Amino acid sequence: MTTLTLQVPDSLEANHEDTVRFLAAKLYESGKLSLGQAAQVAGMPKWDFAEILVNYDVNYFQYTSEDIINEFKNIG
């Protein structure tokens, strides 16, 4: 894994842990990271990280409407 250094306002550093978790959650939501990768970035076990996604308005299941429609088409 690569280390990335970001310059952020001091107010974000005051809540360092929350900021890192937020970024990891949003990268997961956008499909840039898998759940396991996002959990690793956040420094948490995968299942603990999955439980906090709701805090950042991120759905655990990352399905598009097209994925769901295709799934229903394949039933039957």
Protein backbone atom coordinates (compact mmCIF):
# COMPACT_ATOMS: atom_id res chain seq x y z
CA MET A 1 0.00 0.00 0.00
CA THR A 2 1.21 3.51 -0.78
CA THR A 3 1.22 6.37 1.71
CA LEU A 4 -0.56 9.52 0.58
CA THR A 5 -0.09 12.85 2.31
CA LEU A 6 -2.92 15.38 2.12
CA GLN A 7 -2.97 18.96 3.24
CA VAL A 8 -6.26 19.50 5.05
CA PRO A 9 -7.61 22.28 7.25
CA ASP A 10 -6.69 22.02 10.93
CA SER A 11 -10.34 21.38 11.77
CA LEU A 12 -10.16 18.04 9.94
CA GLU A 13 -7.00 17.04 11.75
CA ALA A 14 -8.75 17.61 15.06
CA ASN A 15 -11.02 14.71 14.05
CA HIS A 16 -8.31 12.68 12.33
CA GLU A 17 -9.90 9.25 12.85
CA ASP A 18 -13.30 10.41 11.57
CA THR A 19 -11.72 12.12 8.55
CA VAL A 20 -9.83 8.97 7.55
CA ARG A 21 -12.95 6.83 7.98
CA PHE A 22 -15.03 9.29 5.95
CA LEU A 23 -12.52 9.26 3.09
CA ALA A 24 -12.33 5.46 3.16
CA ALA A 25 -16.14 5.18 3.17
CA LYS A 26 -16.53 7.55 0.25
CA LEU A 27 -13.80 5.78 -1.75
CA TYR A 28 -15.66 2.52 -1.12
CA GLU A 29 -18.94 4.13 -2.18
CA SER A 30 -17.41 5.36 -5.44
CA GLY A 31 -16.03 1.90 -6.23
CA LYS A 32 -12.39 3.00 -5.96
CA LEU A 33 -11.77 0.63 -3.04
CA SER A 34 -13.16 -2.75 -2.07
CA LEU A 35 -14.66 -3.13 1.39
CA GLY A 36 -11.48 -4.80 2.61
CA GLN A 37 -9.26 -2.09 1.17
CA ALA A 38 -11.40 0.68 2.66
CA ALA A 39 -11.33 -1.05 6.05
CA GLN A 40 -7.55 -1.28 5.84
CA VAL A 41 -7.29 2.44 5.02
CA ALA A 42 -9.53 3.18 8.01
CA GLY A 43 -7.42 0.90 10.22
CA MET A 44 -10.37 -1.29 11.12
CA PRO A 45 -11.43 -4.90 10.69
CA LYS A 46 -13.61 -5.31 7.60
CA TRP A 47 -16.83 -6.14 9.45
CA ASP A 48 -16.41 -3.27 11.91
CA PHE A 49 -15.89 -0.90 9.00
CA ALA A 50 -19.02 -2.23 7.26
CA GLU A 51 -21.02 -1.34 10.36
CA ILE A 52 -19.91 2.31 10.37
CA LEU A 53 -20.78 2.98 6.72
CA VAL A 54 -24.22 4.16 7.81
CA ASN A 55 -22.52 7.02 9.69
CA TYR A 56 -21.39 8.39 6.33
CA ASP A 57 -24.58 7.66 4.36
CA VAL A 58 -22.87 4.88 2.43
CA ASN A 59 -24.75 1.70 1.51
CA TYR A 60 -23.01 -1.59 2.20
CA PHE A 61 -24.39 -3.02 -1.03
CA GLN A 62 -23.03 -1.14 -4.01
CA TYR A 63 -25.48 -2.10 -6.75
CA THR A 64 -26.60 0.18 -9.55
CA SER A 65 -30.18 0.16 -10.75
CA GLU A 66 -28.90 -1.55 -13.90
CA ASP A 67 -27.35 -4.34 -11.80
CA ILE A 68 -30.67 -4.92 -10.06
CA ILE A 69 -32.67 -4.93 -13.31
CA ASN A 70 -30.23 -7.41 -14.86
CA GLU A 71 -30.46 -9.60 -11.78
CA PHE A 72 -34.26 -9.76 -12.07
CA LYS A 73 -34.04 -10.48 -15.80
CA ASN A 74 -31.87 -13.51 -15.02
CA ILE A 75 -34.42 -14.94 -12.58
CA GLY A 76 -36.75 -17.41 -14.17
